[in-house]
Amino acid sequence: MKNKTIALYGQNRYYLEHFTEYLNHQVNSVFRGIYFPSWENLYAYQQEHILDMVLLEGEINFLFELESMKEILHRYLVFYLSEKSRESAKKEMISLYKYQSMENILHFLFDLEDKEKGEQTLSTMKEAETLAVFSPLSGCGKTSLALALGQICSRESSTLYLNFEEYSACSWIGEQKNEEYSAGTLSELFYYFHQKKEFYWEKIHSFVYGINGLECIRPVQYAEDLFLLSAKEYAEFIQELKKGSGYSRLILDINLPGERATEILKVCSVVYMPVRYTGVASKKIEQFEINLNKREEKNLWDKIHKIEIPDIQADYVLHGAESLMWNEYGDLARTLLRGEK
């Protein structure tokens, strides 16, 4: 298949050069990128060479006063990288949210080679599938299962893991360790969302760190920060992530009390609930069920899948999160993702 040429132009030279390099180093990619530092260079190039797409970024309003821009819009499929997830481009262009992974943008370009598909924004793309792992029990393997699910999902699609625990061991594993909090945490995202009721999209992806290929946002710095958002705001927070983060899947590791947990679970696609029916644990499960029924959340029961996890000895801090993919947790995660009991 002949490579399709994408011309890139905008003010953020570093971003566009990096994007061009990413395009040109993809194995078996159908795209080839060329970055142009000036509009005049781009216009002159396309007069003698064949282009398939044009990707624009930054402040471009002045271009619409130029005859050359009208010609480009008429001849090519033109995309605009927007800094806001719901910002629409001019009707002649297709809008793409800028602060998502380059992999997602590349897939989107591949799917939108037909100009008749019209204006698209990230808000009209498919929402992220949201998998929650929640349990009223402690020490039940909840986080180990969530990390196993996340790592396996990340091999198939872009996946983001969020940990809503008072004290998370996830701070001690992955590419960024506990001491490196300066790049941003859930505490900061919660604070900004509470103040503005929107995401600081320009920064959110700089908060991400990796655990064996799974993308994560650092947990809260202090347990009290989990209460920065109300129950309603938690649901809105997750909905915004589903619509605007650019990820295909979200994995939520939840240890929140009462209504906050309930409101999050209501906006999830599926809820895996590790349980144990021994002694005190069985009574805690029974109490949770009584409380949920009192809240009259009958529809939530359709999403909840109780998972009886055996006593698996797994220390992901000591042996690394990747070990979870190849032990009993990994086997269980694959079974759940296949939809088996």
C-alpha atoms as a PDB file:
ATOM      1  CA  MET A   1       0.000   0.000   0.000  1.00  0.00           C
ATOM      2  CA  LYS A   2       1.315   3.440  -0.964  1.00  0.00           C
ATOM      3  CA  ASN A   3       2.074   5.691   1.974  1.00  0.00           C
ATOM      4  CA  LYS A   4      -0.266   8.611   2.520  1.00  0.00           C
ATOM      5  CA  THR A   5       1.469  11.924   3.078  1.00  0.00           C
ATOM      6  CA  ILE A   6       0.398  14.209   5.907  1.00  0.00           C
ATOM      7  CA  ALA A   7       1.575  17.817   5.934  1.00  0.00           C
ATOM      8  CA  LEU A   8       1.884  19.337   9.415  1.00  0.00           C
ATOM      9  CA  TYR A   9       1.879  23.049  10.206  1.00  0.00           C
ATOM     10  CA  GLY A  10       1.442  25.113  13.381  1.00  0.00           C
ATOM     11  CA  GLN A  11       3.114  27.195  16.087  1.00  0.00           C
ATOM     12  CA  ASN A  12       4.220  24.397  18.436  1.00  0.00           C
ATOM     13  CA  ARG A  13       7.312  23.302  16.545  1.00  0.00           C
ATOM     14  CA  TYR A  14       8.495  20.824  19.188  1.00  0.00           C
ATOM     15  CA  TYR A  15       5.145  19.020  19.288  1.00  0.00           C
ATOM     16  CA  LEU A  16       4.781  18.843  15.500  1.00  0.00           C
ATOM     17  CA  GLU A  17       8.361  17.702  14.920  1.00  0.00           C
ATOM     18  CA  HIS A  18       7.865  14.994  17.543  1.00  0.00           C
ATOM     19  CA  PHE A  19       4.566  13.968  15.932  1.00  0.00           C
ATOM     20  CA  THR A  20       6.246  13.832  12.502  1.00  0.00           C
ATOM     21  CA  GLU A  21       9.005  11.639  13.881  1.00  0.00           C
ATOM     22  CA  TYR A  22       6.389   9.375  15.482  1.00  0.00           C
ATOM     23  CA  LEU A  23       4.550   9.007  12.163  1.00  0.00           C
ATOM     24  CA  ASN A  24       7.690   8.213  10.208  1.00  0.00           C
ATOM     25  CA  HIS A  25       8.986   5.575  12.626  1.00  0.00           C
ATOM     26  CA  GLN A  26       5.850   3.436  12.785  1.00  0.00           C
ATOM     27  CA  VAL A  27       6.441  -0.064  11.446  1.00  0.00           C
ATOM     28  CA  ASN A  28       4.222  -0.811   8.421  1.00  0.00           C
ATOM     29  CA  SER A  29       2.513   2.558   8.791  1.00  0.00           C
ATOM     30  CA  VAL A  30       0.393   3.853   5.907  1.00  0.00           C
ATOM     31  CA  PHE A  31       1.300   7.450   6.812  1.00  0.00           C
ATOM     32  CA  ARG A  32       4.315   9.627   6.136  1.00  0.00           C
ATOM     33  CA  GLY A  33       4.596  12.997   7.852  1.00  0.00           C
ATOM     34  CA  ILE A  34       6.291  16.201   6.689  1.00  0.00           C
ATOM     35  CA  TYR A  35       6.557  19.169   9.040  1.00  0.00           C
ATOM     36  CA  PHE A  36       6.561  22.666   7.496  1.00  0.00           C
ATOM     37  CA  PRO A  37       7.824  25.578   9.628  1.00  0.00           C
ATOM     38  CA  SER A  38       5.949  28.079   7.459  1.00  0.00           C
ATOM     39  CA  TRP A  39       2.627  28.119   5.634  1.00  0.00           C
ATOM     40  CA  GLU A  40       4.327  29.347   2.483  1.00  0.00           C
ATOM     41  CA  ASN A  41       6.594  26.283   2.442  1.00  0.00           C
ATOM     42  CA  LEU A  42       3.615  23.953   2.802  1.00  0.00           C
ATOM     43  CA  TYR A  43       1.683  25.662   0.021  1.00  0.00           C
ATOM     44  CA  ALA A  44       4.682  25.643  -2.330  1.00  0.00           C
ATOM     45  CA  TYR A  45       5.366  21.951  -1.643  1.00  0.00           C
ATOM     46  CA  GLN A  46       1.821  20.812  -2.438  1.00  0.00           C
ATOM     47  CA  GLN A  47       1.939  22.544  -5.821  1.00  0.00           C
ATOM     48  CA  GLU A  48       4.589  20.065  -6.963  1.00  0.00           C
ATOM     49  CA  HIS A  49       3.885  17.029  -4.768  1.00  0.00           C
ATOM     50  CA  ILE A  50       0.870  14.985  -3.803  1.00  0.00           C
ATOM     51  CA  LEU A  51      -0.548  15.366  -0.315  1.00  0.00           C
ATOM     52  CA  ASP A  52      -3.324  13.306   1.261  1.00  0.00           C
ATOM     53  CA  MET A  53      -4.015  15.190   4.481  1.00  0.00           C
ATOM     54  CA  VAL A  54      -3.111  18.439   6.210  1.00  0.00           C
ATOM     55  CA  LEU A  55      -2.809  18.643  10.003  1.00  0.00           C
ATOM     56  CA  LEU A  56      -2.978  22.112  11.563  1.00  0.00           C
ATOM     57  CA  GLU A  57      -2.291  23.235  15.136  1.00  0.00           C
ATOM     58  CA  GLY A  58      -2.335  26.425  17.172  1.00  0.00           C
ATOM     59  CA  GLU A  59      -3.541  29.874  16.111  1.00  0.00           C
ATOM     60  CA  ILE A  60      -4.669  29.580  12.478  1.00  0.00           C
ATOM     61  CA  ASN A  61      -7.447  32.182  12.138  1.00  0.00           C
ATOM     62  CA  PHE A  62      -5.230  34.339   9.921  1.00  0.00           C
ATOM     63  CA  LEU A  63      -5.043  31.527   7.377  1.00  0.00           C
ATOM     64  CA  PHE A  64      -8.726  31.855   6.520  1.00  0.00           C
ATOM     65  CA  GLU A  65      -8.030  35.249   4.989  1.00  0.00           C
ATOM     66  CA  LEU A  66      -5.634  33.686   2.470  1.00  0.00           C
ATOM     67  CA  GLU A  67      -6.606  32.335  -0.937  1.00  0.00           C
ATOM     68  CA  SER A  68      -4.023  29.574  -0.471  1.00  0.00           C
ATOM     69  CA  MET A  69      -5.969  28.311   2.570  1.00  0.00           C
ATOM     70  CA  LYS A  70      -9.187  28.148   0.586  1.00  0.00           C
ATOM     71  CA  GLU A  71      -7.377  26.085  -2.035  1.00  0.00           C
ATOM     72  CA  ILE A  72      -5.968  23.710   0.581  1.00  0.00           C
ATOM     73  CA  LEU A  73      -9.401  23.229   2.154  1.00  0.00           C
ATOM     74  CA  HIS A  74     -10.871  22.476  -1.253  1.00  0.00           C
ATOM     75  CA  ARG A  75      -8.204  19.971  -2.270  1.00  0.00           C
ATOM     76  CA  TYR A  76      -7.389  18.063   0.911  1.00  0.00           C
ATOM     77  CA  LEU A  77      -8.765  16.511   4.046  1.00  0.00           C
ATOM     78  CA  VAL A  78      -7.785  19.023   6.739  1.00  0.00           C
ATOM     79  CA  PHE A  79      -7.592  18.262  10.473  1.00  0.00           C
ATOM     80  CA  TYR A  80      -7.270  20.732  13.327  1.00  0.00           C
ATOM     81  CA  LEU A  81      -5.672  19.747  16.639  1.00  0.00           C
ATOM     82  CA  SER A  82      -7.857  21.370  19.276  1.00  0.00           C
ATOM     83  CA  GLU A  83      -6.729  22.133  22.828  1.00  0.00           C
ATOM     84  CA  LYS A  84     -10.246  21.638  24.180  1.00  0.00           C
ATOM     85  CA  SER A  85     -12.025  18.299  24.052  1.00  0.00           C
ATOM     86  CA  ARG A  86     -15.305  19.859  22.903  1.00  0.00           C
ATOM     87  CA  GLU A  87     -13.984  22.652  20.744  1.00  0.00           C
ATOM     88  CA  SER A  88     -15.232  22.503  17.177  1.00  0.00           C
ATOM     89  CA  ALA A  89     -13.112  23.463  14.219  1.00  0.00           C
ATOM     90  CA  LYS A  90     -14.292  25.449  11.224  1.00  0.00           C
ATOM     91  CA  LYS A  91     -16.888  23.530   9.273  1.00  0.00           C
ATOM     92  CA  GLU A  92     -14.356  22.876   6.486  1.00  0.00           C
ATOM     93  CA  MET A  93     -12.065  20.973   8.879  1.00  0.00           C
ATOM     94  CA  ILE A  94     -12.226  17.940  11.143  1.00  0.00           C
ATOM     95  CA  SER A  95     -11.480  18.623  14.797  1.00  0.00           C
ATOM     96  CA  LEU A  96      -9.237  16.337  16.852  1.00  0.00           C
ATOM     97  CA  TYR A  97      -8.439  16.703  20.536  1.00  0.00           C
ATOM     98  CA  LYS A  98      -4.725  17.477  20.814  1.00  0.00           C
ATOM     99  CA  TYR A  99      -3.922  16.164  24.294  1.00  0.00           C
ATOM    100  CA  GLN A 100      -4.501  12.480  23.723  1.00  0.00           C
ATOM    101  CA  SER A 101      -1.985   9.821  22.806  1.00  0.00           C
ATOM    102  CA  MET A 102      -0.459  10.032  19.341  1.00  0.00           C
ATOM    103  CA  GLU A 103      -1.513   6.423  18.852  1.00  0.00           C
ATOM    104  CA  ASN A 104      -5.166   7.441  19.235  1.00  0.00           C
ATOM    105  CA  ILE A 105      -4.757  10.328  16.795  1.00  0.00           C
ATOM    106  CA  LEU A 106      -3.111   8.007  14.294  1.00  0.00           C
ATOM    107  CA  HIS A 107      -5.998   5.524  14.526  1.00  0.00           C
ATOM    108  CA  PHE A 108      -8.466   8.369  14.094  1.00  0.00           C
ATOM    109  CA  LEU A 109      -6.686   9.627  10.973  1.00  0.00           C
ATOM    110  CA  PHE A 110      -6.719   6.139   9.534  1.00  0.00           C
ATOM    111  CA  ASP A 111     -10.463   5.835  10.110  1.00  0.00           C
ATOM    112  CA  LEU A 112     -11.312   9.271   8.721  1.00  0.00           C
ATOM    113  CA  GLU A 113      -9.820   9.268   5.260  1.00  0.00           C
ATOM    114  CA  ASP A 114     -13.225   9.974   3.741  1.00  0.00           C
ATOM    115  CA  LYS A 115     -14.040  13.672   3.650  1.00  0.00           C
ATOM    116  CA  GLU A 116     -17.762  12.895   3.597  1.00  0.00           C
ATOM    117  CA  LYS A 117     -17.580  11.836   7.248  1.00  0.00           C
ATOM    118  CA  GLY A 118     -17.688  15.524   8.097  1.00  0.00           C
ATOM    119  CA  GLU A 119     -16.785  17.336  11.251  1.00  0.00           C
ATOM    120  CA  GLN A 120     -15.755  15.116  14.117  1.00  0.00           C
ATOM    121  CA  THR A 121     -14.627  15.956  17.623  1.00  0.00           C
ATOM    122  CA  LEU A 122     -13.387  13.774  20.398  1.00  0.00           C
ATOM    123  CA  SER A 123     -16.686  14.241  22.189  1.00  0.00           C
ATOM    124  CA  THR A 124     -18.427  12.323  19.384  1.00  0.00           C
ATOM    125  CA  MET A 125     -15.950   9.455  19.519  1.00  0.00           C
ATOM    126  CA  LYS A 126     -16.744   6.284  21.394  1.00  0.00           C
ATOM    127  CA  GLU A 127     -16.577   6.701  25.150  1.00  0.00           C
ATOM    128  CA  ALA A 128     -14.001   4.765  27.099  1.00  0.00           C
ATOM    129  CA  GLU A 129     -15.165   1.435  28.471  1.00  0.00           C
ATOM    130  CA  THR A 130     -14.926   1.717  32.254  1.00  0.00           C
ATOM    131  CA  LEU A 131     -14.072  -1.312  34.385  1.00  0.00           C
ATOM    132  CA  ALA A 132     -14.241  -0.896  38.159  1.00  0.00           C
ATOM    133  CA  VAL A 133     -12.723  -3.150  40.803  1.00  0.00           C
ATOM    134  CA  PHE A 134     -14.399  -2.470  44.128  1.00  0.00           C
ATOM    135  CA  SER A 135     -14.867  -4.331  47.388  1.00  0.00           C
ATOM    136  CA  PRO A 136     -16.035  -3.491  50.905  1.00  0.00           C
ATOM    137  CA  LEU A 137     -13.285  -5.844  52.086  1.00  0.00           C
ATOM    138  CA  SER A 138      -9.626  -5.042  52.639  1.00  0.00           C
ATOM    139  CA  GLY A 139      -6.795  -7.394  51.758  1.00  0.00           C
ATOM    140  CA  CYS A 140      -8.965  -9.235  49.234  1.00  0.00           C
ATOM    141  CA  GLY A 141      -6.711  -8.876  46.167  1.00  0.00           C
ATOM    142  CA  LYS A 142      -8.613  -5.896  44.740  1.00  0.00           C
ATOM    143  CA  THR A 143      -5.607  -3.860  43.607  1.00  0.00           C
ATOM    144  CA  SER A 144      -3.731  -6.917  42.322  1.00  0.00           C
ATOM    145  CA  LEU A 145      -6.730  -7.834  40.170  1.00  0.00           C
ATOM    146  CA  ALA A 146      -7.131  -4.239  38.949  1.00  0.00           C
ATOM    147  CA  LEU A 147      -3.461  -4.019  37.934  1.00  0.00           C
ATOM    148  CA  ALA A 148      -3.620  -7.389  36.182  1.00  0.00           C
ATOM    149  CA  LEU A 149      -6.732  -6.279  34.264  1.00  0.00           C
ATOM    150  CA  GLY A 150      -5.112  -2.975  33.345  1.00  0.00           C
ATOM    151  CA  GLN A 151      -1.870  -4.453  32.059  1.00  0.00           C
ATOM    152  CA  ILE A 152      -3.678  -7.047  29.956  1.00  0.00           C
ATOM    153  CA  CYS A 153      -6.074  -4.434  28.540  1.00  0.00           C
ATOM    154  CA  SER A 154      -3.144  -2.133  27.712  1.00  0.00           C
ATOM    155  CA  ARG A 155      -1.763  -4.777  25.351  1.00  0.00           C
ATOM    156  CA  GLU A 156      -4.902  -4.426  23.215  1.00  0.00           C
ATOM    157  CA  SER A 157      -5.925  -0.773  23.567  1.00  0.00           C
ATOM    158  CA  SER A 158      -4.957   2.469  25.297  1.00  0.00           C
ATOM    159  CA  THR A 159      -5.807   2.027  28.974  1.00  0.00           C
ATOM    160  CA  LEU A 160      -5.653   4.352  31.979  1.00  0.00           C
ATOM    161  CA  TYR A 161      -5.541   3.084  35.580  1.00  0.00           C
ATOM    162  CA  LEU A 162      -6.810   5.224  38.480  1.00  0.00           C
ATOM    163  CA  ASN A 163      -6.417   4.301  42.131  1.00  0.00           C
ATOM    164  CA  PHE A 164      -8.944   5.744  44.597  1.00  0.00           C
ATOM    165  CA  GLU A 165      -7.414   4.486  47.843  1.00  0.00           C
ATOM    166  CA  GLU A 166      -6.387   6.344  50.994  1.00  0.00           C
ATOM    167  CA  TYR A 167      -2.954   4.719  50.990  1.00  0.00           C
ATOM    168  CA  SER A 168      -1.859   3.290  47.665  1.00  0.00           C
ATOM    169  CA  ALA A 169       1.112   0.997  47.187  1.00  0.00           C
ATOM    170  CA  CYS A 170       1.026   1.916  43.492  1.00  0.00           C
ATOM    171  CA  SER A 171       3.112   4.971  44.352  1.00  0.00           C
ATOM    172  CA  TRP A 172       6.048   2.623  44.861  1.00  0.00           C
ATOM    173  CA  ILE A 173       6.019   0.806  41.536  1.00  0.00           C
ATOM    174  CA  GLY A 174       6.338   1.754  37.886  1.00  0.00           C
ATOM    175  CA  GLU A 175       8.461   4.312  36.096  1.00  0.00           C
ATOM    176  CA  GLN A 176       7.839   7.072  38.666  1.00  0.00           C
ATOM    177  CA  LYS A 177       8.419   6.296  42.327  1.00  0.00           C
ATOM    178  CA  ASN A 178       6.831   7.767  45.424  1.00  0.00           C
ATOM    179  CA  GLU A 179       9.272  10.653  45.788  1.00  0.00           C
ATOM    180  CA  GLU A 180       8.577  12.020  42.310  1.00  0.00           C
ATOM    181  CA  TYR A 181       5.262  13.749  42.948  1.00  0.00           C
ATOM    182  CA  SER A 182       6.155  17.054  41.300  1.00  0.00           C
ATOM    183  CA  ALA A 183       4.631  16.094  37.944  1.00  0.00           C
ATOM    184  CA  GLY A 184       1.092  15.988  39.339  1.00  0.00           C
ATOM    185  CA  THR A 185      -1.312  13.691  41.151  1.00  0.00           C
ATOM    186  CA  LEU A 186      -5.010  12.968  41.474  1.00  0.00           C
ATOM    187  CA  SER A 187      -5.023  15.521  44.305  1.00  0.00           C
ATOM    188  CA  GLU A 188      -4.321  18.314  41.839  1.00  0.00           C
ATOM    189  CA  LEU A 189      -6.810  17.020  39.292  1.00  0.00           C
ATOM    190  CA  PHE A 190      -9.500  16.773  41.962  1.00  0.00           C
ATOM    191  CA  TYR A 191      -8.807  20.309  43.164  1.00  0.00           C
ATOM    192  CA  TYR A 192      -8.904  21.791  39.676  1.00  0.00           C
ATOM    193  CA  PHE A 193     -12.042  19.865  38.721  1.00  0.00           C
ATOM    194  CA  HIS A 194     -13.785  20.960  41.927  1.00  0.00           C
ATOM    195  CA  GLN A 195     -12.967  24.597  41.162  1.00  0.00           C
ATOM    196  CA  LYS A 196     -13.598  24.676  37.420  1.00  0.00           C
ATOM    197  CA  LYS A 197     -15.870  21.642  36.747  1.00  0.00           C
ATOM    198  CA  GLU A 198     -13.638  20.787  33.811  1.00  0.00           C
ATOM    199  CA  PHE A 199     -10.280  19.135  33.217  1.00  0.00           C
ATOM    200  CA  TYR A 200      -6.951  20.814  32.904  1.00  0.00           C
ATOM    201  CA  TRP A 201      -6.481  18.897  29.651  1.00  0.00           C
ATOM    202  CA  GLU A 202      -3.214  20.581  28.778  1.00  0.00           C
ATOM    203  CA  LYS A 203      -1.612  19.034  31.878  1.00  0.00           C
ATOM    204  CA  ILE A 204      -3.449  15.765  32.417  1.00  0.00           C
ATOM    205  CA  HIS A 205      -1.197  13.671  30.188  1.00  0.00           C
ATOM    206  CA  SER A 206       1.913  15.009  31.893  1.00  0.00           C
ATOM    207  CA  PHE A 207       0.575  13.383  35.079  1.00  0.00           C
ATOM    208  CA  VAL A 208       0.708   9.950  33.502  1.00  0.00           C
ATOM    209  CA  TYR A 209       3.366   7.414  34.433  1.00  0.00           C
ATOM    210  CA  GLY A 210       3.801   3.805  33.353  1.00  0.00           C
ATOM    211  CA  ILE A 211       3.443   0.459  35.085  1.00  0.00           C
ATOM    212  CA  ASN A 212       4.631  -2.182  32.613  1.00  0.00           C
ATOM    213  CA  GLY A 213       2.962  -0.429  29.687  1.00  0.00           C
ATOM    214  CA  LEU A 214      -0.196   0.488  31.630  1.00  0.00           C
ATOM    215  CA  GLU A 215      -0.711   4.253  31.886  1.00  0.00           C
ATOM    216  CA  CYS A 216      -1.586   5.566  35.339  1.00  0.00           C
ATOM    217  CA  ILE A 217      -2.179   8.846  37.127  1.00  0.00           C
ATOM    218  CA  ARG A 218      -0.466   9.154  40.474  1.00  0.00           C
ATOM    219  CA  PRO A 219      -2.754   8.568  43.480  1.00  0.00           C
ATOM    220  CA  VAL A 220      -3.666  11.289  45.972  1.00  0.00           C
ATOM    221  CA  GLN A 221      -0.846  12.556  48.158  1.00  0.00           C
ATOM    222  CA  TYR A 222      -2.982  12.701  51.281  1.00  0.00           C
ATOM    223  CA  ALA A 223      -5.964  10.549  52.238  1.00  0.00           C
ATOM    224  CA  GLU A 224      -8.037  13.669  52.920  1.00  0.00           C
ATOM    225  CA  ASP A 225      -7.775  14.639  49.243  1.00  0.00           C
ATOM    226  CA  LEU A 226     -10.182  11.837  48.352  1.00  0.00           C
ATOM    227  CA  PHE A 227     -12.897  14.028  49.883  1.00  0.00           C
ATOM    228  CA  LEU A 228     -12.196  17.065  47.704  1.00  0.00           C
ATOM    229  CA  LEU A 229     -14.995  15.884  45.405  1.00  0.00           C
ATOM    230  CA  SER A 230     -18.574  15.194  46.384  1.00  0.00           C
ATOM    231  CA  ALA A 231     -20.327  12.008  45.287  1.00  0.00           C
ATOM    232  CA  LYS A 232     -21.928  13.840  42.364  1.00  0.00           C
ATOM    233  CA  GLU A 233     -18.597  15.398  41.353  1.00  0.00           C
ATOM    234  CA  TYR A 234     -16.931  11.989  41.337  1.00  0.00           C
ATOM    235  CA  ALA A 235     -19.481  10.754  38.815  1.00  0.00           C
ATOM    236  CA  GLU A 236     -18.955  13.880  36.695  1.00  0.00           C
ATOM    237  CA  PHE A 237     -15.178  13.446  36.964  1.00  0.00           C
ATOM    238  CA  ILE A 238     -15.362   9.897  35.586  1.00  0.00           C
ATOM    239  CA  GLN A 239     -17.811  10.916  32.856  1.00  0.00           C
ATOM    240  CA  GLU A 240     -15.411  13.637  31.689  1.00  0.00           C
ATOM    241  CA  LEU A 241     -12.575  11.117  31.586  1.00  0.00           C
ATOM    242  CA  LYS A 242     -14.697   8.673  29.594  1.00  0.00           C
ATOM    243  CA  LYS A 243     -15.577  11.297  27.005  1.00  0.00           C
ATOM    244  CA  GLY A 244     -12.450  13.376  26.746  1.00  0.00           C
ATOM    245  CA  SER A 245      -9.334  11.521  27.864  1.00  0.00           C
ATOM    246  CA  GLY A 246      -8.769   9.707  24.576  1.00  0.00           C
ATOM    247  CA  TYR A 247      -8.353   6.313  26.251  1.00  0.00           C
ATOM    248  CA  SER A 248     -10.227   3.228  25.100  1.00  0.00           C
ATOM    249  CA  ARG A 249     -10.502   1.795  28.619  1.00  0.00           C
ATOM    250  CA  LEU A 250     -10.422   3.070  32.168  1.00  0.00           C
ATOM    251  CA  ILE A 251      -9.574   0.769  35.067  1.00  0.00           C
ATOM    252  CA  LEU A 252     -10.831   2.151  38.393  1.00  0.00           C
ATOM    253  CA  ASP A 253      -9.450   0.717  41.644  1.00  0.00           C
ATOM    254  CA  ILE A 254     -11.983   1.956  44.202  1.00  0.00           C
ATOM    255  CA  ASN A 255     -11.857   2.106  47.974  1.00  0.00           C
ATOM    256  CA  LEU A 256     -14.227   4.958  48.799  1.00  0.00           C
ATOM    257  CA  PRO A 257     -17.004   5.060  51.383  1.00  0.00           C
ATOM    258  CA  GLY A 258     -20.758   5.174  50.838  1.00  0.00           C
ATOM    259  CA  GLU A 259     -22.296   7.370  48.195  1.00  0.00           C
ATOM    260  CA  ARG A 260     -18.990   8.364  46.574  1.00  0.00           C
ATOM    261  CA  ALA A 261     -18.312   4.753  45.613  1.00  0.00           C
ATOM    262  CA  THR A 262     -21.927   4.193  44.556  1.00  0.00           C
ATOM    263  CA  GLU A 263     -21.991   7.199  42.243  1.00  0.00           C
ATOM    264  CA  ILE A 264     -18.777   6.098  40.524  1.00  0.00           C
ATOM    265  CA  LEU A 265     -19.993   2.523  40.107  1.00  0.00           C
ATOM    266  CA  LYS A 266     -23.209   3.763  38.474  1.00  0.00           C
ATOM    267  CA  VAL A 267     -21.264   5.283  35.557  1.00  0.00           C
ATOM    268  CA  CYS A 268     -19.041   2.220  35.037  1.00  0.00           C
ATOM    269  CA  SER A 269     -19.557  -0.420  32.356  1.00  0.00           C
ATOM    270  CA  VAL A 270     -18.889  -3.339  34.697  1.00  0.00           C
ATOM    271  CA  VAL A 271     -17.937  -3.766  38.366  1.00  0.00           C
ATOM    272  CA  TYR A 272     -15.787  -6.643  39.595  1.00  0.00           C
ATOM    273  CA  MET A 273     -16.220  -7.151  43.353  1.00  0.00           C
ATOM    274  CA  PRO A 274     -13.712  -9.475  45.056  1.00  0.00           C
ATOM    275  CA  VAL A 275     -15.409 -11.289  47.938  1.00  0.00           C
ATOM    276  CA  ARG A 276     -14.593 -13.879  50.579  1.00  0.00           C
ATOM    277  CA  TYR A 277     -17.252 -15.801  52.466  1.00  0.00           C
ATOM    278  CA  THR A 278     -15.374 -16.535  55.652  1.00  0.00           C
ATOM    279  CA  GLY A 279     -16.102 -15.205  59.144  1.00  0.00           C
ATOM    280  CA  VAL A 280     -16.110 -11.415  59.383  1.00  0.00           C
ATOM    281  CA  ALA A 281     -15.652 -10.987  55.622  1.00  0.00           C
ATOM    282  CA  SER A 282     -19.007 -12.600  54.856  1.00  0.00           C
ATOM    283  CA  LYS A 283     -20.751 -10.256  57.313  1.00  0.00           C
ATOM    284  CA  LYS A 284     -19.148  -7.211  55.687  1.00  0.00           C
ATOM    285  CA  ILE A 285     -20.400  -8.360  52.280  1.00  0.00           C
ATOM    286  CA  GLU A 286     -23.869  -8.864  53.754  1.00  0.00           C
ATOM    287  CA  GLN A 287     -23.838  -5.354  55.262  1.00  0.00           C
ATOM    288  CA  PHE A 288     -22.789  -3.838  51.931  1.00  0.00           C
ATOM    289  CA  GLU A 289     -25.658  -5.591  50.174  1.00  0.00           C
ATOM    290  CA  ILE A 290     -28.148  -4.342  52.778  1.00  0.00           C
ATOM    291  CA  ASN A 291     -26.910  -0.764  52.397  1.00  0.00           C
ATOM    292  CA  LEU A 292     -27.022  -0.912  48.619  1.00  0.00           C
ATOM    293  CA  ASN A 293     -30.578  -2.209  48.684  1.00  0.00           C
ATOM    294  CA  LYS A 294     -31.576   0.602  51.050  1.00  0.00           C
ATOM    295  CA  ARG A 295     -30.244   3.076  48.483  1.00  0.00           C
ATOM    296  CA  GLU A 296     -32.584   1.429  45.952  1.00  0.00           C
ATOM    297  CA  GLU A 297     -29.773   1.043  43.433  1.00  0.00           C
ATOM    298  CA  LYS A 298     -31.299  -2.031  41.813  1.00  0.00           C
ATOM    299  CA  ASN A 299     -29.786  -1.327  38.391  1.00  0.00           C
ATOM    300  CA  LEU A 300     -26.325  -1.387  39.921  1.00  0.00           C
ATOM    301  CA  TRP A 301     -26.652  -5.064  40.768  1.00  0.00           C
ATOM    302  CA  ASP A 302     -26.742  -5.829  37.032  1.00  0.00           C
ATOM    303  CA  LYS A 303     -23.203  -4.443  36.718  1.00  0.00           C
ATOM    304  CA  ILE A 304     -21.687  -6.115  39.767  1.00  0.00           C
ATOM    305  CA  HIS A 305     -19.868  -9.412  39.295  1.00  0.00           C
ATOM    306  CA  LYS A 306     -18.813 -11.026  42.565  1.00  0.00           C
ATOM    307  CA  ILE A 307     -15.424 -12.673  42.262  1.00  0.00           C
ATOM    308  CA  GLU A 308     -14.348 -15.124  44.956  1.00  0.00           C
ATOM    309  CA  ILE A 309     -10.573 -14.838  44.903  1.00  0.00           C
ATOM    310  CA  PRO A 310      -8.515 -17.616  46.500  1.00  0.00           C
ATOM    311  CA  ASP A 311      -5.668 -16.764  48.826  1.00  0.00           C
ATOM    312  CA  ILE A 312      -3.014 -15.894  46.235  1.00  0.00           C
ATOM    313  CA  GLN A 313       0.449 -14.951  47.453  1.00  0.00           C
ATOM    314  CA  ALA A 314       1.491 -12.059  45.215  1.00  0.00           C
ATOM    315  CA  ASP A 315       3.654  -9.065  46.128  1.00  0.00           C
ATOM    316  CA  TYR A 316       3.626  -6.673  43.167  1.00  0.00           C
ATOM    317  CA  VAL A 317       5.808  -4.139  44.988  1.00  0.00           C
ATOM    318  CA  LEU A 318       8.525  -6.724  45.615  1.00  0.00           C
ATOM    319  CA  HIS A 319       8.301  -8.652  42.345  1.00  0.00           C
ATOM    320  CA  GLY A 320       6.985  -5.937  40.019  1.00  0.00           C
ATOM    321  CA  ALA A 321       3.511  -5.376  38.599  1.00  0.00           C
ATOM    322  CA  GLU A 322       4.329  -7.464  35.518  1.00  0.00           C
ATOM    323  CA  SER A 323       4.366 -10.562  37.733  1.00  0.00           C
ATOM    324  CA  LEU A 324       0.591 -10.198  38.143  1.00  0.00           C
ATOM    325  CA  MET A 325       0.074 -10.899  34.447  1.00  0.00           C
ATOM    326  CA  TRP A 326       1.531 -14.384  34.733  1.00  0.00           C
ATOM    327  CA  ASN A 327       0.182 -15.660  38.040  1.00  0.00           C
ATOM    328  CA  GLU A 328      -3.350 -16.557  39.171  1.00  0.00           C
ATOM    329  CA  TYR A 329      -4.437 -12.905  39.016  1.00  0.00           C
ATOM    330  CA  GLY A 330      -3.509 -12.722  35.350  1.00  0.00           C
ATOM    331  CA  ASP A 331      -5.385 -15.948  34.635  1.00  0.00           C
ATOM    332  CA  LEU A 332      -8.440 -14.600  36.467  1.00  0.00           C
ATOM    333  CA  ALA A 333      -8.264 -11.268  34.631  1.00  0.00           C
ATOM    334  CA  ARG A 334      -8.149 -12.968  31.234  1.00  0.00           C
ATOM    335  CA  THR A 335     -11.137 -15.126  32.207  1.00  0.00           C
ATOM    336  CA  LEU A 336     -13.123 -12.043  33.236  1.00  0.00           C
ATOM    337  CA  LEU A 337     -12.252 -10.152  30.052  1.00  0.00           C
ATOM    338  CA  ARG A 338     -13.449 -13.114  27.986  1.00  0.00           C
ATOM    339  CA  GLY A 339     -16.767 -12.790  29.771  1.00  0.00           C
ATOM    340  CA  GLU A 340     -16.544 -16.148  31.485  1.00  0.00           C
ATOM    341  CA  LYS A 341     -17.773 -16.894  35.009  1.00  0.00           C
END
